[in-house]
Amino acid sequence: MYSKKEGEFKLPKYKTEFELIVKDMMEHNTVQQMDQFRQHYDTSCYEHCVNVSYISYRICKKLKLDYKSAARAAMVHDLFLYDWRKRQDGRKGLHGFTHPKTSLENAQKIFELSKKEQDIILKHMWPLTIKFPRYTESWVVTFVDKYCALSESFNHYFKKNKS
């Protein structure tokens, strides 16, 4: 897992290739703004996206899938740029159902995305988003997103209970 505090991955085997794939995204000012928003307890939205991106990259590479599209789409799958815990004027619908579309719209403003990358971002909240992911890589990111959310939550509770 990636931690901005530590600044590196615990499993750095493919770190160099991974970073080359998502470097432009990780360094983009808009993407870095995700670090201002908390995603799951102690994990920022930016850290969460890096975690999902890196694990999706590793799985897709191992399975000989399109690991570049998976890594890139996962890096911006939560590019919604607001605190989802606070109700804001103008935002309609529940966050879990609406943020994939918002994230896709935000990502398309700054990056050129393939149809596969668009599907990954738009469908990563399945089954809430109802429509099935179209590509195997979309399924990978969907399940990795859930895994990371649970892992980040458990890490918070384990740290909390230790102290």
C-alpha atoms as a PDB file:
ATOM      1  CA  MET A   1       0.000   0.000   0.000  1.00  0.00           C
ATOM      2  CA  TYR A   2       1.092   3.529  -0.757  1.00  0.00           C
ATOM      3  CA  SER A   3       1.437   6.084   1.974  1.00  0.00           C
ATOM      4  CA  LYS A   4       2.228   9.684   1.140  1.00  0.00           C
ATOM      5  CA  LYS A   5       3.793   9.983   4.583  1.00  0.00           C
ATOM      6  CA  GLU A   6       6.247   7.197   3.738  1.00  0.00           C
ATOM      7  CA  GLY A   7       6.436   8.222   0.076  1.00  0.00           C
ATOM      8  CA  GLU A   8       6.896   4.730  -1.274  1.00  0.00           C
ATOM      9  CA  PHE A   9       5.239   1.404  -1.854  1.00  0.00           C
ATOM     10  CA  LYS A  10       5.718  -1.589   0.393  1.00  0.00           C
ATOM     11  CA  LEU A  11       5.954  -3.811  -2.716  1.00  0.00           C
ATOM     12  CA  PRO A  12       8.287  -1.841  -5.026  1.00  0.00           C
ATOM     13  CA  LYS A  13       9.008  -4.609  -7.578  1.00  0.00           C
ATOM     14  CA  TYR A  14       7.276  -2.773 -10.447  1.00  0.00           C
ATOM     15  CA  LYS A  15       7.405   0.708  -8.933  1.00  0.00           C
ATOM     16  CA  THR A  16       9.444   2.269 -11.730  1.00  0.00           C
ATOM     17  CA  GLU A  17       7.222   1.015 -14.559  1.00  0.00           C
ATOM     18  CA  PHE A  18       4.068   1.828 -12.594  1.00  0.00           C
ATOM     19  CA  GLU A  19       5.226   5.359 -11.885  1.00  0.00           C
ATOM     20  CA  LEU A  20       6.071   5.907 -15.551  1.00  0.00           C
ATOM     21  CA  ILE A  21       2.536   4.874 -16.502  1.00  0.00           C
ATOM     22  CA  VAL A  22       0.782   7.224 -14.063  1.00  0.00           C
ATOM     23  CA  LYS A  23       3.473   9.887 -13.511  1.00  0.00           C
ATOM     24  CA  ASP A  24       1.680  12.604 -15.506  1.00  0.00           C
ATOM     25  CA  MET A  25      -1.494  11.952 -13.522  1.00  0.00           C
ATOM     26  CA  MET A  26       0.188  11.780 -10.118  1.00  0.00           C
ATOM     27  CA  GLU A  27       1.968  15.072 -10.773  1.00  0.00           C
ATOM     28  CA  HIS A  28      -1.046  16.932 -12.180  1.00  0.00           C
ATOM     29  CA  ASN A  29      -2.205  19.739  -9.888  1.00  0.00           C
ATOM     30  CA  THR A  30      -5.872  18.755 -10.120  1.00  0.00           C
ATOM     31  CA  VAL A  31      -5.141  15.135  -9.212  1.00  0.00           C
ATOM     32  CA  GLN A  32      -2.936  16.233  -6.311  1.00  0.00           C
ATOM     33  CA  GLN A  33      -5.879  18.239  -4.949  1.00  0.00           C
ATOM     34  CA  MET A  34      -7.420  14.881  -3.998  1.00  0.00           C
ATOM     35  CA  ASP A  35      -4.916  14.860  -1.132  1.00  0.00           C
ATOM     36  CA  GLN A  36      -7.010  17.596   0.527  1.00  0.00           C
ATOM     37  CA  PHE A  37      -9.992  15.299   0.923  1.00  0.00           C
ATOM     38  CA  ARG A  38     -10.300  12.405   3.328  1.00  0.00           C
ATOM     39  CA  GLN A  39     -11.530   9.201   1.724  1.00  0.00           C
ATOM     40  CA  HIS A  40     -11.497   6.425   4.348  1.00  0.00           C
ATOM     41  CA  TYR A  41     -10.534   7.536   7.855  1.00  0.00           C
ATOM     42  CA  ASP A  42      -6.784   8.346   7.756  1.00  0.00           C
ATOM     43  CA  THR A  43      -6.444   7.819   4.009  1.00  0.00           C
ATOM     44  CA  SER A  44      -6.770  10.751   1.629  1.00  0.00           C
ATOM     45  CA  CYS A  45      -8.581  10.412  -1.665  1.00  0.00           C
ATOM     46  CA  TYR A  46      -5.191  10.721  -3.417  1.00  0.00           C
ATOM     47  CA  GLU A  47      -3.629   7.922  -1.352  1.00  0.00           C
ATOM     48  CA  HIS A  48      -6.683   5.741  -1.954  1.00  0.00           C
ATOM     49  CA  CYS A  49      -6.460   6.245  -5.723  1.00  0.00           C
ATOM     50  CA  VAL A  50      -2.736   5.456  -5.739  1.00  0.00           C
ATOM     51  CA  ASN A  51      -3.432   2.270  -3.753  1.00  0.00           C
ATOM     52  CA  VAL A  52      -6.212   1.159  -6.113  1.00  0.00           C
ATOM     53  CA  SER A  53      -4.119   2.069  -9.131  1.00  0.00           C
ATOM     54  CA  TYR A  54      -1.023   0.197  -7.978  1.00  0.00           C
ATOM     55  CA  ILE A  55      -2.807  -2.987  -6.922  1.00  0.00           C
ATOM     56  CA  SER A  56      -4.919  -2.990 -10.106  1.00  0.00           C
ATOM     57  CA  TYR A  57      -1.738  -2.534 -12.124  1.00  0.00           C
ATOM     58  CA  ARG A  58      -0.110  -5.516 -10.396  1.00  0.00           C
ATOM     59  CA  ILE A  59      -3.127  -7.792 -10.838  1.00  0.00           C
ATOM     60  CA  CYS A  60      -3.702  -6.857 -14.470  1.00  0.00           C
ATOM     61  CA  LYS A  61      -0.020  -7.249 -15.296  1.00  0.00           C
ATOM     62  CA  LYS A  62       0.015 -10.698 -13.701  1.00  0.00           C
ATOM     63  CA  LEU A  63      -3.129 -11.708 -15.634  1.00  0.00           C
ATOM     64  CA  LYS A  64      -1.737 -10.296 -18.903  1.00  0.00           C
ATOM     65  CA  LEU A  65      -4.530  -7.724 -19.143  1.00  0.00           C
ATOM     66  CA  ASP A  66      -4.344  -4.051 -20.124  1.00  0.00           C
ATOM     67  CA  TYR A  67      -2.497  -2.969 -16.978  1.00  0.00           C
ATOM     68  CA  LYS A  68      -1.794   0.525 -18.328  1.00  0.00           C
ATOM     69  CA  SER A  69      -5.465   1.383 -18.777  1.00  0.00           C
ATOM     70  CA  ALA A  70      -6.305  -0.144 -15.409  1.00  0.00           C
ATOM     71  CA  ALA A  71      -3.586   1.834 -13.612  1.00  0.00           C
ATOM     72  CA  ARG A  72      -4.433   5.120 -15.334  1.00  0.00           C
ATOM     73  CA  ALA A  73      -8.195   4.878 -14.848  1.00  0.00           C
ATOM     74  CA  ALA A  74      -7.822   3.770 -11.236  1.00  0.00           C
ATOM     75  CA  MET A  75      -5.566   6.759 -10.563  1.00  0.00           C
ATOM     76  CA  VAL A  76      -8.482   9.109 -11.302  1.00  0.00           C
ATOM     77  CA  HIS A  77     -11.460   6.899 -10.435  1.00  0.00           C
ATOM     78  CA  ASP A  78     -12.330   9.142  -7.457  1.00  0.00           C
ATOM     79  CA  LEU A  79     -11.466  12.543  -8.946  1.00  0.00           C
ATOM     80  CA  PHE A  80     -14.591  14.183  -7.502  1.00  0.00           C
ATOM     81  CA  LEU A  81     -12.811  16.915  -5.434  1.00  0.00           C
ATOM     82  CA  TYR A  82     -15.244  17.495  -2.579  1.00  0.00           C
ATOM     83  CA  ASP A  83     -15.810  16.197   0.936  1.00  0.00           C
ATOM     84  CA  TRP A  84     -18.430  13.541   0.325  1.00  0.00           C
ATOM     85  CA  ARG A  85     -19.444  13.575   3.997  1.00  0.00           C
ATOM     86  CA  LYS A  86     -20.802  17.139   3.705  1.00  0.00           C
ATOM     87  CA  ARG A  87     -23.987  17.918   1.835  1.00  0.00           C
ATOM     88  CA  GLN A  88     -23.291  20.718  -0.634  1.00  0.00           C
ATOM     89  CA  ASP A  89     -25.619  22.934  -2.618  1.00  0.00           C
ATOM     90  CA  GLY A  90     -25.964  21.909  -6.232  1.00  0.00           C
ATOM     91  CA  ARG A  91     -24.909  18.305  -5.690  1.00  0.00           C
ATOM     92  CA  LYS A  92     -27.797  15.986  -6.404  1.00  0.00           C
ATOM     93  CA  GLY A  93     -28.089  12.350  -5.455  1.00  0.00           C
ATOM     94  CA  LEU A  94     -26.101  10.228  -3.056  1.00  0.00           C
ATOM     95  CA  HIS A  95     -22.331  10.277  -3.419  1.00  0.00           C
ATOM     96  CA  GLY A  96     -21.950   6.519  -3.929  1.00  0.00           C
ATOM     97  CA  PHE A  97     -24.250   6.653  -6.941  1.00  0.00           C
ATOM     98  CA  THR A  98     -23.108   9.949  -8.492  1.00  0.00           C
ATOM     99  CA  HIS A  99     -19.354  10.355  -7.976  1.00  0.00           C
ATOM    100  CA  PRO A 100     -18.237   7.999 -10.774  1.00  0.00           C
ATOM    101  CA  LYS A 101     -19.839  10.305 -13.358  1.00  0.00           C
ATOM    102  CA  THR A 102     -18.371  13.397 -11.662  1.00  0.00           C
ATOM    103  CA  SER A 103     -14.942  11.748 -11.552  1.00  0.00           C
ATOM    104  CA  LEU A 104     -15.142  10.810 -15.230  1.00  0.00           C
ATOM    105  CA  GLU A 105     -16.164  14.345 -16.218  1.00  0.00           C
ATOM    106  CA  ASN A 106     -13.298  15.828 -14.194  1.00  0.00           C
ATOM    107  CA  ALA A 107     -10.761  13.366 -15.609  1.00  0.00           C
ATOM    108  CA  GLN A 108     -11.886  13.977 -19.196  1.00  0.00           C
ATOM    109  CA  LYS A 109     -11.246  17.697 -18.770  1.00  0.00           C
ATOM    110  CA  ILE A 110      -7.530  17.071 -18.234  1.00  0.00           C
ATOM    111  CA  PHE A 111      -6.676  13.670 -19.743  1.00  0.00           C
ATOM    112  CA  GLU A 112      -7.479  11.812 -22.932  1.00  0.00           C
ATOM    113  CA  LEU A 113      -9.195   8.601 -21.869  1.00  0.00           C
ATOM    114  CA  SER A 114      -9.869   5.471 -23.896  1.00  0.00           C
ATOM    115  CA  LYS A 115     -13.307   3.830 -23.903  1.00  0.00           C
ATOM    116  CA  LYS A 116     -11.926   1.184 -21.545  1.00  0.00           C
ATOM    117  CA  GLU A 117     -10.599   3.804 -19.101  1.00  0.00           C
ATOM    118  CA  GLN A 118     -13.945   5.604 -19.203  1.00  0.00           C
ATOM    119  CA  ASP A 119     -15.766   2.347 -18.437  1.00  0.00           C
ATOM    120  CA  ILE A 120     -13.419   1.621 -15.524  1.00  0.00           C
ATOM    121  CA  ILE A 121     -14.090   5.014 -13.939  1.00  0.00           C
ATOM    122  CA  LEU A 122     -17.831   5.051 -14.624  1.00  0.00           C
ATOM    123  CA  LYS A 123     -18.497   1.506 -13.401  1.00  0.00           C
ATOM    124  CA  HIS A 124     -16.118   1.225 -10.424  1.00  0.00           C
ATOM    125  CA  MET A 125     -19.009   1.512  -7.954  1.00  0.00           C
ATOM    126  CA  TRP A 126     -20.871  -1.492  -9.297  1.00  0.00           C
ATOM    127  CA  PRO A 127     -23.336  -2.766  -8.062  1.00  0.00           C
ATOM    128  CA  LEU A 128     -24.536   0.709  -6.974  1.00  0.00           C
ATOM    129  CA  THR A 129     -24.182   1.988 -10.528  1.00  0.00           C
ATOM    130  CA  ILE A 130     -26.311  -0.958 -11.756  1.00  0.00           C
ATOM    131  CA  LYS A 131     -24.701  -1.251 -15.216  1.00  0.00           C
ATOM    132  CA  PHE A 132     -22.195  -4.078 -15.377  1.00  0.00           C
ATOM    133  CA  PRO A 133     -18.556  -3.241 -16.070  1.00  0.00           C
ATOM    134  CA  ARG A 134     -17.800  -4.031 -19.725  1.00  0.00           C
ATOM    135  CA  TYR A 135     -14.122  -5.001 -19.515  1.00  0.00           C
ATOM    136  CA  THR A 136     -12.201  -7.434 -17.337  1.00  0.00           C
ATOM    137  CA  GLU A 137      -9.994  -4.519 -16.229  1.00  0.00           C
ATOM    138  CA  SER A 138     -13.136  -2.684 -15.065  1.00  0.00           C
ATOM    139  CA  TRP A 139     -14.004  -5.666 -12.870  1.00  0.00           C
ATOM    140  CA  VAL A 140     -10.473  -5.754 -11.458  1.00  0.00           C
ATOM    141  CA  VAL A 141     -10.554  -2.061 -10.498  1.00  0.00           C
ATOM    142  CA  THR A 142     -14.069  -2.437  -9.071  1.00  0.00           C
ATOM    143  CA  PHE A 143     -12.999  -5.231  -6.732  1.00  0.00           C
ATOM    144  CA  VAL A 144      -9.640  -3.668  -5.881  1.00  0.00           C
ATOM    145  CA  ASP A 145     -11.473  -0.450  -4.942  1.00  0.00           C
ATOM    146  CA  LYS A 146     -13.609  -2.419  -2.477  1.00  0.00           C
ATOM    147  CA  TYR A 147     -10.559  -4.256  -1.130  1.00  0.00           C
ATOM    148  CA  CYS A 148      -8.661  -0.995  -0.584  1.00  0.00           C
ATOM    149  CA  ALA A 149     -11.646   0.668   1.091  1.00  0.00           C
ATOM    150  CA  LEU A 150     -11.925  -2.248   3.534  1.00  0.00           C
ATOM    151  CA  SER A 151      -8.172  -2.398   4.081  1.00  0.00           C
ATOM    152  CA  GLU A 152      -7.919   1.340   4.755  1.00  0.00           C
ATOM    153  CA  SER A 153     -10.838   1.114   7.186  1.00  0.00           C
ATOM    154  CA  PHE A 154      -9.409  -1.910   9.017  1.00  0.00           C
ATOM    155  CA  ASN A 155      -5.987  -0.249   9.244  1.00  0.00           C
ATOM    156  CA  HIS A 156      -7.616   2.716  10.959  1.00  0.00           C
ATOM    157  CA  TYR A 157      -9.409   0.528  13.489  1.00  0.00           C
ATOM    158  CA  PHE A 158      -6.342  -1.621  14.196  1.00  0.00           C
ATOM    159  CA  LYS A 159      -4.231   1.501  14.842  1.00  0.00           C
ATOM    160  CA  LYS A 160      -6.999   2.951  16.998  1.00  0.00           C
ATOM    161  CA  ASN A 161      -7.351  -0.224  19.076  1.00  0.00           C
ATOM    162  CA  LYS A 162      -3.581  -0.591  19.580  1.00  0.00           C
ATOM    163  CA  SER A 163      -3.305   2.819  21.268  1.00  0.00           C
END
